[in-house]
Structures are given as C-alpha cells and as structure tokens.
Amino acid sequence: MFTPVRTLLIAAALGGCALVQADPLLDFGVFTAPTQRAIAEPVVSWVVHPQPKAYCRTTSPQDGSVAWRDACVVWHKATARCTIVTPTSTTHSQLGHLFLHCIKGG
C-alpha cells in the first residue's frame, strides 16, 4: 500500500522526467544506406578542434565540406579521404551524420 509521502515522492520523480528535454543531436532513427556514394570506401580521420568550422574552411585539399551544428566534415575524392572535425564534446549521432555527408559527397 502506498502512503501519502511515498505517493508524493513517486509523483515528483515521474514529474521530473517530463522536464528533461531530448538532445537534438541524438537521433536513433533507422535509415537506408545510400546507394550512390561519392567515396565508396573512405579513409576517415577524426580531428578534435576548438573551432571546427574554421578548421574545415582552411583544410586543403578538399572537394567539398559540410558544416552541421558545431562540427564539420571535408572530403577529397582522389585520395578517398574524409576528415570529421568536432569540438571536444560531441555525440555518436553527429559523427554518423557527418560520415554520411562524407560518403555521399555532400
């Protein structure tokens, strides 16, 4: 049997869950792998830098780049290389999103 105090504690705990907002960088949606790839088997580097977008703008050589949120990716098709650049703190979802831009070439 629940006492009034115990019921209040449970209600407070459950109510607190509603205050937590989802991180927009967390995406667990299922997707289909792209069939059209600019780079079929890329060599991927991950650089941690305090200013990712500035780093991507100055990276050479590159065939293209995409900035997303606070990170970016650059790619070079001739060498089949991609460089993902993020700040110190990032998410798996952000890394995956940038990797998809790399293999699709945009």
PDB file of N, CA and C in Angstrom:
ATOM      1  N   MET A   1       0.850  -1.174   0.000  1.00  0.00           N
ATOM      2  CA  MET A   1       0.000   0.000   0.000  1.00  0.00           C
ATOM      3  C   MET A   1       0.895   1.236   0.000  1.00  0.00           C
ATOM      4  N   PHE A   2       0.495   2.242  -0.779  1.00  0.00           N
ATOM      5  CA  PHE A   2       1.251   3.484  -0.875  1.00  0.00           C
ATOM      6  C   PHE A   2       0.793   4.465   0.188  1.00  0.00           C
ATOM      7  N   THR A   3       1.748   5.025   0.891  1.00  0.00           N
ATOM      8  CA  THR A   3       1.447   6.073   1.856  1.00  0.00           C
ATOM      9  C   THR A   3       1.420   7.400   1.107  1.00  0.00           C
ATOM     10  N   PRO A   4       0.829   8.445   1.679  1.00  0.00           N
ATOM     11  CA  PRO A   4       0.797   9.743   1.002  1.00  0.00           C
ATOM     12  C   PRO A   4       2.194  10.273   0.679  1.00  0.00           C
ATOM     13  N   VAL A   5       3.148  10.064   1.580  1.00  0.00           N
ATOM     14  CA  VAL A   5       4.509  10.554   1.344  1.00  0.00           C
ATOM     15  C   VAL A   5       5.149   9.777   0.198  1.00  0.00           C
ATOM     16  N   ARG A   6       4.976   8.460   0.203  1.00  0.00           N
ATOM     17  CA  ARG A   6       5.549   7.614  -0.853  1.00  0.00           C
ATOM     18  C   ARG A   6       4.922   7.973  -2.209  1.00  0.00           C
ATOM     19  N   THR A   7       3.628   8.200  -2.242  1.00  0.00           N
ATOM     20  CA  THR A   7       2.941   8.580  -3.475  1.00  0.00           C
ATOM     21  C   THR A   7       3.467   9.919  -3.980  1.00  0.00           C
ATOM     22  N   LEU A   8       3.695  10.857  -3.067  1.00  0.00           N
ATOM     23  CA  LEU A   8       4.219  12.160  -3.439  1.00  0.00           C
ATOM     24  C   LEU A   8       5.625  12.039  -4.022  1.00  0.00           C
ATOM     25  N   LEU A   9       6.460  11.198  -3.427  1.00  0.00           N
ATOM     26  CA  LEU A   9       7.819  11.010  -3.929  1.00  0.00           C
ATOM     27  C   LEU A   9       7.816  10.386  -5.325  1.00  0.00           C
ATOM     28  N   ILE A  10       6.949   9.412  -5.544  1.00  0.00           N
ATOM     29  CA  ILE A  10       6.859   8.774  -6.864  1.00  0.00           C
ATOM     30  C   ILE A  10       6.370   9.790  -7.896  1.00  0.00           C
ATOM     31  N   ALA A  11       5.356  10.570  -7.554  1.00  0.00           N
ATOM     32  CA  ALA A  11       4.829  11.578  -8.468  1.00  0.00           C
ATOM     33  C   ALA A  11       5.890  12.628  -8.796  1.00  0.00           C
ATOM     34  N   ALA A  12       6.665  13.023  -7.807  1.00  0.00           N
ATOM     35  CA  ALA A  12       7.727  14.006  -8.030  1.00  0.00           C
ATOM     36  C   ALA A  12       8.799  13.427  -8.943  1.00  0.00           C
ATOM     37  N   ALA A  13       9.137  12.173  -8.740  1.00  0.00           N
ATOM     38  CA  ALA A  13      10.161  11.531  -9.573  1.00  0.00           C
ATOM     39  C   ALA A  13       9.681  11.416 -11.012  1.00  0.00           C
ATOM     40  N   LEU A  14       8.454  11.010 -11.208  1.00  0.00           N
ATOM     41  CA  LEU A  14       7.916  10.874 -12.557  1.00  0.00           C
ATOM     42  C   LEU A  14       7.726  12.237 -13.213  1.00  0.00           C
ATOM     43  N   GLY A  15       7.306  13.209 -12.457  1.00  0.00           N
ATOM     44  CA  GLY A  15       7.136  14.554 -12.993  1.00  0.00           C
ATOM     45  C   GLY A  15       8.455  15.156 -13.419  1.00  0.00           C
ATOM     46  N   GLY A  16       9.532  14.831 -12.713  1.00  0.00           N
ATOM     47  CA  GLY A  16      10.855  15.327 -13.065  1.00  0.00           C
ATOM     48  C   GLY A  16      11.318  14.813 -14.408  1.00  0.00           C
ATOM     49  N   CYS A  17      10.860  13.614 -14.782  1.00  0.00           N
ATOM     50  CA  CYS A  17      11.240  13.057 -16.079  1.00  0.00           C
ATOM     51  C   CYS A  17      10.699  13.902 -17.224  1.00  0.00           C
ATOM     52  N   ALA A  18       9.558  14.502 -17.022  1.00  0.00           N
ATOM     53  CA  ALA A  18       8.951  15.309 -18.074  1.00  0.00           C
ATOM     54  C   ALA A  18       9.742  16.591 -18.327  1.00  0.00           C
ATOM     55  N   LEU A  19      10.547  17.011 -17.360  1.00  0.00           N
ATOM     56  CA  LEU A  19      11.326  18.233 -17.507  1.00  0.00           C
ATOM     57  C   LEU A  19      12.586  18.029 -18.340  1.00  0.00           C
ATOM     58  N   VAL A  20      13.006  16.796 -18.504  1.00  0.00           N
ATOM     59  CA  VAL A  20      14.208  16.502 -19.265  1.00  0.00           C
ATOM     60  C   VAL A  20      13.888  16.627 -20.752  1.00  0.00           C
ATOM     61  N   GLN A  21      14.656  17.451 -21.462  1.00  0.00           N
ATOM     62  CA  GLN A  21      14.423  17.625 -22.891  1.00  0.00           C
ATOM     63  C   GLN A  21      15.403  16.780 -23.683  1.00  0.00           C
ATOM     64  N   ALA A  22      14.947  16.280 -24.817  1.00  0.00           N
ATOM     65  CA  ALA A  22      15.785  15.442 -25.660  1.00  0.00           C
ATOM     66  C   ALA A  22      16.892  16.274 -26.307  1.00  0.00           C
ATOM     67  N   ASP A  23      18.062  15.696 -26.427  1.00  0.00           N
ATOM     68  CA  ASP A  23      19.181  16.331 -27.104  1.00  0.00           C
ATOM     69  C   ASP A  23      18.927  16.242 -28.604  1.00  0.00           C
ATOM     70  N   PRO A  24      18.922  17.373 -29.330  1.00  0.00           N
ATOM     71  CA  PRO A  24      18.628  17.328 -30.760  1.00  0.00           C
ATOM     72  C   PRO A  24      19.688  16.588 -31.578  1.00  0.00           C
ATOM     73  N   LEU A  25      20.869  16.355 -30.994  1.00  0.00           N
ATOM     74  CA  LEU A  25      21.900  15.616 -31.716  1.00  0.00           C
ATOM     75  C   LEU A  25      21.758  14.110 -31.556  1.00  0.00           C
ATOM     76  N   LEU A  26      20.832  13.671 -30.708  1.00  0.00           N
ATOM     77  CA  LEU A  26      20.612  12.243 -30.546  1.00  0.00           C
ATOM     78  C   LEU A  26      19.516  11.813 -31.501  1.00  0.00           C
ATOM     79  N   ASP A  27      19.874  11.004 -32.443  1.00  0.00           N
ATOM     80  CA  ASP A  27      18.918  10.538 -33.435  1.00  0.00           C
ATOM     81  C   ASP A  27      19.102   9.041 -33.589  1.00  0.00           C
ATOM     82  N   PHE A  28      18.122   8.293 -33.177  1.00  0.00           N
ATOM     83  CA  PHE A  28      18.209   6.850 -33.271  1.00  0.00           C
ATOM     84  C   PHE A  28      17.289   6.303 -34.352  1.00  0.00           C
ATOM     85  N   GLY A  29      16.903   7.187 -35.269  1.00  0.00           N
ATOM     86  CA  GLY A  29      16.052   6.767 -36.369  1.00  0.00           C
ATOM     87  C   GLY A  29      16.800   5.841 -37.313  1.00  0.00           C
ATOM     88  N   VAL A  30      16.080   4.926 -37.908  1.00  0.00           N
ATOM     89  CA  VAL A  30      16.660   3.987 -38.860  1.00  0.00           C
ATOM     90  C   VAL A  30      16.702   4.655 -40.232  1.00  0.00           C
ATOM     91  N   PHE A  31      17.747   4.412 -40.991  1.00  0.00           N
ATOM     92  CA  PHE A  31      17.847   4.971 -42.335  1.00  0.00           C
ATOM     93  C   PHE A  31      18.387   3.892 -43.265  1.00  0.00           C
ATOM     94  N   THR A  32      18.228   4.112 -44.544  1.00  0.00           N
ATOM     95  CA  THR A  32      18.744   3.188 -45.557  1.00  0.00           C
ATOM     96  C   THR A  32      20.087   3.712 -46.038  1.00  0.00           C
ATOM     97  N   ALA A  33      21.049   2.825 -46.115  1.00  0.00           N
ATOM     98  CA  ALA A  33      22.383   3.220 -46.568  1.00  0.00           C
ATOM     99  C   ALA A  33      22.309   3.762 -47.987  1.00  0.00           C
ATOM    100  N   PRO A  34      23.022   4.853 -48.262  1.00  0.00           N
ATOM    101  CA  PRO A  34      22.971   5.433 -49.602  1.00  0.00           C
ATOM    102  C   PRO A  34      23.592   4.504 -50.643  1.00  0.00           C
ATOM    103  N   THR A  35      22.919   4.359 -51.767  1.00  0.00           N
ATOM    104  CA  THR A  35      23.455   3.515 -52.843  1.00  0.00           C
ATOM    105  C   THR A  35      24.391   4.304 -53.744  1.00  0.00           C
ATOM    106  N   GLN A  36      24.161   5.594 -53.878  1.00  0.00           N
ATOM    107  CA  GLN A  36      25.039   6.465 -54.658  1.00  0.00           C
ATOM    108  C   GLN A  36      26.052   7.090 -53.710  1.00  0.00           C
ATOM    109  N   ARG A  37      27.301   6.707 -53.877  1.00  0.00           N
ATOM    110  CA  ARG A  37      28.350   7.219 -52.993  1.00  0.00           C
ATOM    111  C   ARG A  37      29.434   7.915 -53.801  1.00  0.00           C
ATOM    112  N   ALA A  38      29.830   9.074 -53.349  1.00  0.00           N
ATOM    113  CA  ALA A  38      30.941   9.784 -53.980  1.00  0.00           C
ATOM    114  C   ALA A  38      32.264   9.116 -53.615  1.00  0.00           C
ATOM    115  N   ILE A  39      32.328   8.611 -52.391  1.00  0.00           N
ATOM    116  CA  ILE A  39      33.517   7.886 -51.920  1.00  0.00           C
ATOM    117  C   ILE A  39      33.027   6.556 -51.351  1.00  0.00           C
ATOM    118  N   ALA A  40      33.292   5.476 -52.057  1.00  0.00           N
ATOM    119  CA  ALA A  40      32.757   4.172 -51.667  1.00  0.00           C
ATOM    120  C   ALA A  40      33.399   3.618 -50.398  1.00  0.00           C
ATOM    121  N   GLU A  41      34.713   3.745 -50.279  1.00  0.00           N
ATOM    122  CA  GLU A  41      35.430   3.204 -49.120  1.00  0.00           C
ATOM    123  C   GLU A  41      36.399   4.259 -48.577  1.00  0.00           C
ATOM    124  N   PRO A  42      35.881   5.233 -47.853  1.00  0.00           N
ATOM    125  CA  PRO A  42      36.740   6.332 -47.401  1.00  0.00           C
ATOM    126  C   PRO A  42      37.658   5.947 -46.242  1.00  0.00           C
ATOM    127  N   VAL A  43      38.778   6.628 -46.193  1.00  0.00           N
ATOM    128  CA  VAL A  43      39.647   6.597 -45.026  1.00  0.00           C
ATOM    129  C   VAL A  43      39.225   7.815 -44.214  1.00  0.00           C
ATOM    130  N   VAL A  44      38.779   7.572 -42.983  1.00  0.00           N
ATOM    131  CA  VAL A  44      38.201   8.641 -42.175  1.00  0.00           C
ATOM    132  C   VAL A  44      39.142   9.028 -41.038  1.00  0.00           C
ATOM    133  N   SER A  45      39.346  10.334 -40.896  1.00  0.00           N
ATOM    134  CA  SER A  45      40.098  10.874 -39.765  1.00  0.00           C
ATOM    135  C   SER A  45      39.135  11.691 -38.919  1.00  0.00           C
ATOM    136  N   TRP A  46      39.384  11.689 -37.626  1.00  0.00           N
ATOM    137  CA  TRP A  46      38.568  12.490 -36.713  1.00  0.00           C
ATOM    138  C   TRP A  46      39.499  13.448 -36.001  1.00  0.00           C
ATOM    139  N   VAL A  47      39.266  14.739 -36.187  1.00  0.00           N
ATOM    140  CA  VAL A  47      40.079  15.779 -35.559  1.00  0.00           C
ATOM    141  C   VAL A  47      39.223  16.487 -34.513  1.00  0.00           C
ATOM    142  N   VAL A  48      39.765  16.653 -33.326  1.00  0.00           N
ATOM    143  CA  VAL A  48      39.101  17.422 -32.277  1.00  0.00           C
ATOM    144  C   VAL A  48      39.762  18.798 -32.266  1.00  0.00           C
ATOM    145  N   HIS A  49      38.937  19.830 -32.448  1.00  0.00           N
ATOM    146  CA  HIS A  49      39.476  21.187 -32.563  1.00  0.00           C
ATOM    147  C   HIS A  49      38.497  22.163 -31.909  1.00  0.00           C
ATOM    148  N   PRO A  50      38.982  23.203 -31.235  1.00  0.00           N
ATOM    149  CA  PRO A  50      38.072  24.136 -30.563  1.00  0.00           C
ATOM    150  C   PRO A  50      37.197  24.948 -31.535  1.00  0.00           C
ATOM    151  N   GLN A  51      37.641  25.117 -32.781  1.00  0.00           N
ATOM    152  CA  GLN A  51      36.886  25.858 -33.794  1.00  0.00           C
ATOM    153  C   GLN A  51      36.741  24.997 -35.050  1.00  0.00           C
ATOM    154  N   PRO A  52      35.867  23.982 -35.017  1.00  0.00           N
ATOM    155  CA  PRO A  52      35.764  23.048 -36.145  1.00  0.00           C
ATOM    156  C   PRO A  52      35.485  23.710 -37.489  1.00  0.00           C
ATOM    157  N   LYS A  53      34.547  24.646 -37.542  1.00  0.00           N
ATOM    158  CA  LYS A  53      34.184  25.248 -38.829  1.00  0.00           C
ATOM    159  C   LYS A  53      35.339  26.032 -39.435  1.00  0.00           C
ATOM    160  N   ALA A  54      36.090  26.739 -38.613  1.00  0.00           N
ATOM    161  CA  ALA A  54      37.267  27.464 -39.099  1.00  0.00           C
ATOM    162  C   ALA A  54      38.318  26.485 -39.614  1.00  0.00           C
ATOM    163  N   TYR A  55      38.480  25.383 -38.922  1.00  0.00           N
ATOM    164  CA  TYR A  55      39.433  24.351 -39.338  1.00  0.00           C
ATOM    165  C   TYR A  55      39.044  23.801 -40.711  1.00  0.00           C
ATOM    166  N   CYS A  56      37.751  23.503 -40.910  1.00  0.00           N
ATOM    167  CA  CYS A  56      37.293  22.949 -42.189  1.00  0.00           C
ATOM    168  C   CYS A  56      37.474  23.930 -43.338  1.00  0.00           C
ATOM    169  N   ARG A  57      37.261  25.216 -43.074  1.00  0.00           N
ATOM    170  CA  ARG A  57      37.420  26.217 -44.137  1.00  0.00           C
ATOM    171  C   ARG A  57      38.854  26.287 -44.650  1.00  0.00           C
ATOM    172  N   THR A  58      39.818  25.980 -43.789  1.00  0.00           N
ATOM    173  CA  THR A  58      41.228  26.121 -44.170  1.00  0.00           C
ATOM    174  C   THR A  58      41.882  24.803 -44.568  1.00  0.00           C
ATOM    175  N   THR A  59      41.149  23.689 -44.475  1.00  0.00           N
ATOM    176  CA  THR A  59      41.716  22.383 -44.814  1.00  0.00           C
ATOM    177  C   THR A  59      41.878  22.245 -46.328  1.00  0.00           C
ATOM    178  N   SER A  60      43.027  21.746 -46.741  1.00  0.00           N
ATOM    179  CA  SER A  60      43.300  21.556 -48.163  1.00  0.00           C
ATOM    180  C   SER A  60      44.099  20.269 -48.335  1.00  0.00           C
ATOM    181  N   PRO A  61      43.904  19.509 -49.394  1.00  0.00           N
ATOM    182  CA  PRO A  61      42.925  19.710 -50.460  1.00  0.00           C
ATOM    183  C   PRO A  61      41.555  19.201 -50.023  1.00  0.00           C
ATOM    184  N   GLN A  62      40.533  19.721 -50.681  1.00  0.00           N
ATOM    185  CA  GLN A  62      39.188  19.257 -50.416  1.00  0.00           C
ATOM    186  C   GLN A  62      38.314  19.469 -51.645  1.00  0.00           C
ATOM    187  N   ASP A  63      37.396  18.535 -51.843  1.00  0.00           N
ATOM    188  CA  ASP A  63      36.416  18.658 -52.926  1.00  0.00           C
ATOM    189  C   ASP A  63      35.119  19.252 -52.416  1.00  0.00           C
ATOM    190  N   GLY A  64      34.941  19.223 -51.116  1.00  0.00           N
ATOM    191  CA  GLY A  64      33.733  19.781 -50.540  1.00  0.00           C
ATOM    192  C   GLY A  64      33.748  19.677 -49.035  1.00  0.00           C
ATOM    193  N   SER A  65      32.782  20.346 -48.428  1.00  0.00           N
ATOM    194  CA  SER A  65      32.658  20.307 -46.976  1.00  0.00           C
ATOM    195  C   SER A  65      31.216  20.594 -46.591  1.00  0.00           C
ATOM    196  N   VAL A  66      30.855  20.140 -45.408  1.00  0.00           N
ATOM    197  CA  VAL A  66      29.541  20.408 -44.839  1.00  0.00           C
ATOM    198  C   VAL A  66      29.744  20.745 -43.374  1.00  0.00           C
ATOM    199  N   ALA A  67      29.135  21.834 -42.934  1.00  0.00           N
ATOM    200  CA  ALA A  67      29.123  22.183 -41.517  1.00  0.00           C
ATOM    201  C   ALA A  67      27.747  21.821 -40.980  1.00  0.00           C
ATOM    202  N   TRP A  68      27.726  21.198 -39.820  1.00  0.00           N
ATOM    203  CA  TRP A  68      26.462  20.815 -39.202  1.00  0.00           C
ATOM    204  C   TRP A  68      26.580  21.008 -37.702  1.00  0.00           C
ATOM    205  N   ARG A  69      25.664  21.806 -37.173  1.00  0.00           N
ATOM    206  CA  ARG A  69      25.698  22.185 -35.753  1.00  0.00           C
ATOM    207  C   ARG A  69      27.038  22.829 -35.449  1.00  0.00           C
ATOM    208  N   ASP A  70      27.794  22.247 -34.535  1.00  0.00           N
ATOM    209  CA  ASP A  70      29.082  22.835 -34.159  1.00  0.00           C
ATOM    210  C   ASP A  70      30.251  22.018 -34.682  1.00  0.00           C
ATOM    211  N   ALA A  71      30.054  21.282 -35.776  1.00  0.00           N
ATOM    212  CA  ALA A  71      31.102  20.431 -36.333  1.00  0.00           C
ATOM    213  C   ALA A  71      31.053  20.500 -37.861  1.00  0.00           C
ATOM    214  N   CYS A  72      31.984  19.786 -38.507  1.00  0.00           N
ATOM    215  CA  CYS A  72      32.011  19.800 -39.970  1.00  0.00           C
ATOM    216  C   CYS A  72      32.764  18.576 -40.482  1.00  0.00           C
ATOM    217  N   VAL A  73      32.673  18.386 -41.793  1.00  0.00           N
ATOM    218  CA  VAL A  73      33.411  17.324 -42.464  1.00  0.00           C
ATOM    219  C   VAL A  73      33.908  17.862 -43.799  1.00  0.00           C
ATOM    220  N   VAL A  74      35.122  17.471 -44.181  1.00  0.00           N
ATOM    221  CA  VAL A  74      35.670  17.791 -45.500  1.00  0.00           C
ATOM    222  C   VAL A  74      36.066  16.472 -46.162  1.00  0.00           C
ATOM    223  N   TRP A  75      36.013  16.439 -47.502  1.00  0.00           N
ATOM    224  CA  TRP A  75      36.388  15.223 -48.199  1.00  0.00           C
ATOM    225  C   TRP A  75      37.203  15.556 -49.446  1.00  0.00           C
ATOM    226  N   HIS A  76      37.982  14.542 -49.862  1.00  0.00           N
ATOM    227  CA  HIS A  76      38.818  14.646 -51.051  1.00  0.00           C
ATOM    228  C   HIS A  76      38.678  13.324 -51.792  1.00  0.00           C
ATOM    229  N   LYS A  77      38.006  13.362 -52.938  1.00  0.00           N
ATOM    230  CA  LYS A  77      37.678  12.132 -53.672  1.00  0.00           C
ATOM    231  C   LYS A  77      38.895  11.407 -54.225  1.00  0.00           C
ATOM    232  N   ALA A  78      39.896  12.136 -54.733  1.00  0.00           N
ATOM    233  CA  ALA A  78      41.062  11.493 -55.348  1.00  0.00           C
ATOM    234  C   ALA A  78      41.807  10.593 -54.375  1.00  0.00           C
ATOM    235  N   THR A  79      41.843  10.978 -53.111  1.00  0.00           N
ATOM    236  CA  THR A  79      42.542  10.164 -52.109  1.00  0.00           C
ATOM    237  C   THR A  79      41.575   9.354 -51.244  1.00  0.00           C
ATOM    238  N   ALA A  80      40.267   9.485 -51.519  1.00  0.00           N
ATOM    239  CA  ALA A  80      39.222   8.785 -50.760  1.00  0.00           C
ATOM    240  C   ALA A  80      39.352   9.049 -49.262  1.00  0.00           C
ATOM    241  N   ARG A  81      39.575  10.309 -48.914  1.00  0.00           N
ATOM    242  CA  ARG A  81      39.748  10.691 -47.509  1.00  0.00           C
ATOM    243  C   ARG A  81      38.648  11.626 -47.053  1.00  0.00           C
ATOM    244  N   CYS A  82      38.258  11.439 -45.805  1.00  0.00           N
ATOM    245  CA  CYS A  82      37.313  12.326 -45.139  1.00  0.00           C
ATOM    246  C   CYS A  82      37.900  12.714 -43.799  1.00  0.00           C
ATOM    247  N   THR A  83      37.693  13.960 -43.437  1.00  0.00           N
ATOM    248  CA  THR A  83      38.121  14.426 -42.120  1.00  0.00           C
ATOM    249  C   THR A  83      36.907  15.016 -41.423  1.00  0.00           C
ATOM    250  N   ILE A  84      36.525  14.395 -40.325  1.00  0.00           N
ATOM    251  CA  ILE A  84      35.426  14.879 -39.495  1.00  0.00           C
ATOM    252  C   ILE A  84      36.057  15.704 -38.380  1.00  0.00           C
ATOM    253  N   VAL A  85      35.540  16.911 -38.178  1.00  0.00           N
ATOM    254  CA  VAL A  85      36.106  17.813 -37.165  1.00  0.00           C
ATOM    255  C   VAL A  85      35.006  18.190 -36.184  1.00  0.00           C
ATOM    256  N   THR A  86      35.246  17.933 -34.898  1.00  0.00           N
ATOM    257  CA  THR A  86      34.271  18.233 -33.856  1.00  0.00           C
ATOM    258  C   THR A  86      34.965  18.942 -32.693  1.00  0.00           C
ATOM    259  N   PRO A  87      34.169  19.574 -31.832  1.00  0.00           N
ATOM    260  CA  PRO A  87      34.755  20.061 -30.587  1.00  0.00           C
ATOM    261  C   PRO A  87      35.002  18.862 -29.664  1.00  0.00           C
ATOM    262  N   THR A  88      35.518  19.115 -28.492  1.00  0.00           N
ATOM    263  CA  THR A  88      35.834  18.041 -27.551  1.00  0.00           C
ATOM    264  C   THR A  88      34.624  17.185 -27.211  1.00  0.00           C
ATOM    265  N   SER A  89      33.477  17.817 -27.068  1.00  0.00           N
ATOM    266  CA  SER A  89      32.265  17.095 -26.705  1.00  0.00           C
ATOM    267  C   SER A  89      31.342  16.994 -27.919  1.00  0.00           C
ATOM    268  N   THR A  90      30.972  15.770 -28.284  1.00  0.00           N
ATOM    269  CA  THR A  90      30.097  15.547 -29.431  1.00  0.00           C
ATOM    270  C   THR A  90      29.233  14.325 -29.157  1.00  0.00           C
ATOM    271  N   THR A  91      28.460  13.908 -30.145  1.00  0.00           N
ATOM    272  CA  THR A  91      27.609  12.721 -29.976  1.00  0.00           C
ATOM    273  C   THR A  91      27.885  11.722 -31.086  1.00  0.00           C
ATOM    274  N   HIS A  92      27.481  10.486 -30.836  1.00  0.00           N
ATOM    275  CA  HIS A  92      27.594   9.459 -31.864  1.00  0.00           C
ATOM    276  C   HIS A  92      26.766   9.843 -33.090  1.00  0.00           C
ATOM    277  N   SER A  93      25.612  10.416 -32.838  1.00  0.00           N
ATOM    278  CA  SER A  93      24.722  10.814 -33.916  1.00  0.00           C
ATOM    279  C   SER A  93      25.379  11.868 -34.813  1.00  0.00           C
ATOM    280  N   GLN A  94      26.059  12.821 -34.211  1.00  0.00           N
ATOM    281  CA  GLN A  94      26.714  13.854 -35.006  1.00  0.00           C
ATOM    282  C   GLN A  94      27.835  13.248 -35.851  1.00  0.00           C
ATOM    283  N   LEU A  95      28.617  12.346 -35.287  1.00  0.00           N
ATOM    284  CA  LEU A  95      29.676  11.693 -36.055  1.00  0.00           C
ATOM    285  C   LEU A  95      29.085  10.921 -37.232  1.00  0.00           C
ATOM    286  N   GLY A  96      28.005  10.205 -36.989  1.00  0.00           N
ATOM    287  CA  GLY A  96      27.358   9.446 -38.050  1.00  0.00           C
ATOM    288  C   GLY A  96      26.798  10.348 -39.136  1.00  0.00           C
ATOM    289  N   HIS A  97      26.185  11.439 -38.742  1.00  0.00           N
ATOM    290  CA  HIS A  97      25.616  12.385 -39.700  1.00  0.00           C
ATOM    291  C   HIS A  97      26.711  12.939 -40.620  1.00  0.00           C
ATOM    292  N   LEU A  98      27.826  13.333 -40.040  1.00  0.00           N
ATOM    293  CA  LEU A  98      28.920  13.878 -40.831  1.00  0.00           C
ATOM    294  C   LEU A  98      29.550  12.805 -41.715  1.00  0.00           C
ATOM    295  N   PHE A  99      29.633  11.582 -41.219  1.00  0.00           N
ATOM    296  CA  PHE A  99      30.179  10.484 -42.026  1.00  0.00           C
ATOM    297  C   PHE A  99      29.313  10.257 -43.275  1.00  0.00           C
ATOM    298  N   LEU A 100      28.006  10.320 -43.129  1.00  0.00           N
ATOM    299  CA  LEU A 100      27.116  10.149 -44.284  1.00  0.00           C
ATOM    300  C   LEU A 100      27.340  11.242 -45.313  1.00  0.00           C
ATOM    301  N   HIS A 101      27.560  12.484 -44.875  1.00  0.00           N
ATOM    302  CA  HIS A 101      27.883  13.556 -45.820  1.00  0.00           C
ATOM    303  C   HIS A 101      29.178  13.235 -46.566  1.00  0.00           C
ATOM    304  N   CYS A 102      30.122  12.654 -45.869  1.00  0.00           N
ATOM    305  CA  CYS A 102      31.409  12.300 -46.463  1.00  0.00           C
ATOM    306  C   CYS A 102      31.207  11.300 -47.601  1.00  0.00           C
ATOM    307  N   ILE A 103      30.530  10.201 -47.362  1.00  0.00           N
ATOM    308  CA  ILE A 103      30.428   9.172 -48.406  1.00  0.00           C
ATOM    309  C   ILE A 103      29.497   9.602 -49.541  1.00  0.00           C
ATOM    310  N   LYS A 104      28.534  10.479 -49.235  1.00  0.00           N
ATOM    311  CA  LYS A 104      27.652  10.962 -50.291  1.00  0.00           C
ATOM    312  C   LYS A 104      28.256  12.129 -51.068  1.00  0.00           C
ATOM    313  N   GLY A 105      29.313  12.714 -50.523  1.00  0.00           N
ATOM    314  CA  GLY A 105      29.939  13.847 -51.196  1.00  0.00           C
ATOM    315  C   GLY A 105      29.078  15.092 -51.161  1.00  0.00           C
ATOM    316  N   GLY A 106      28.396  15.268 -50.068  1.00  0.00           N
ATOM    317  CA  GLY A 106      27.560  16.462 -49.943  1.00  0.00           C
ATOM    318  C   GLY A 106      26.432  16.304 -48.989  1.00  0.00           C
TER     319      GLY A 106
END
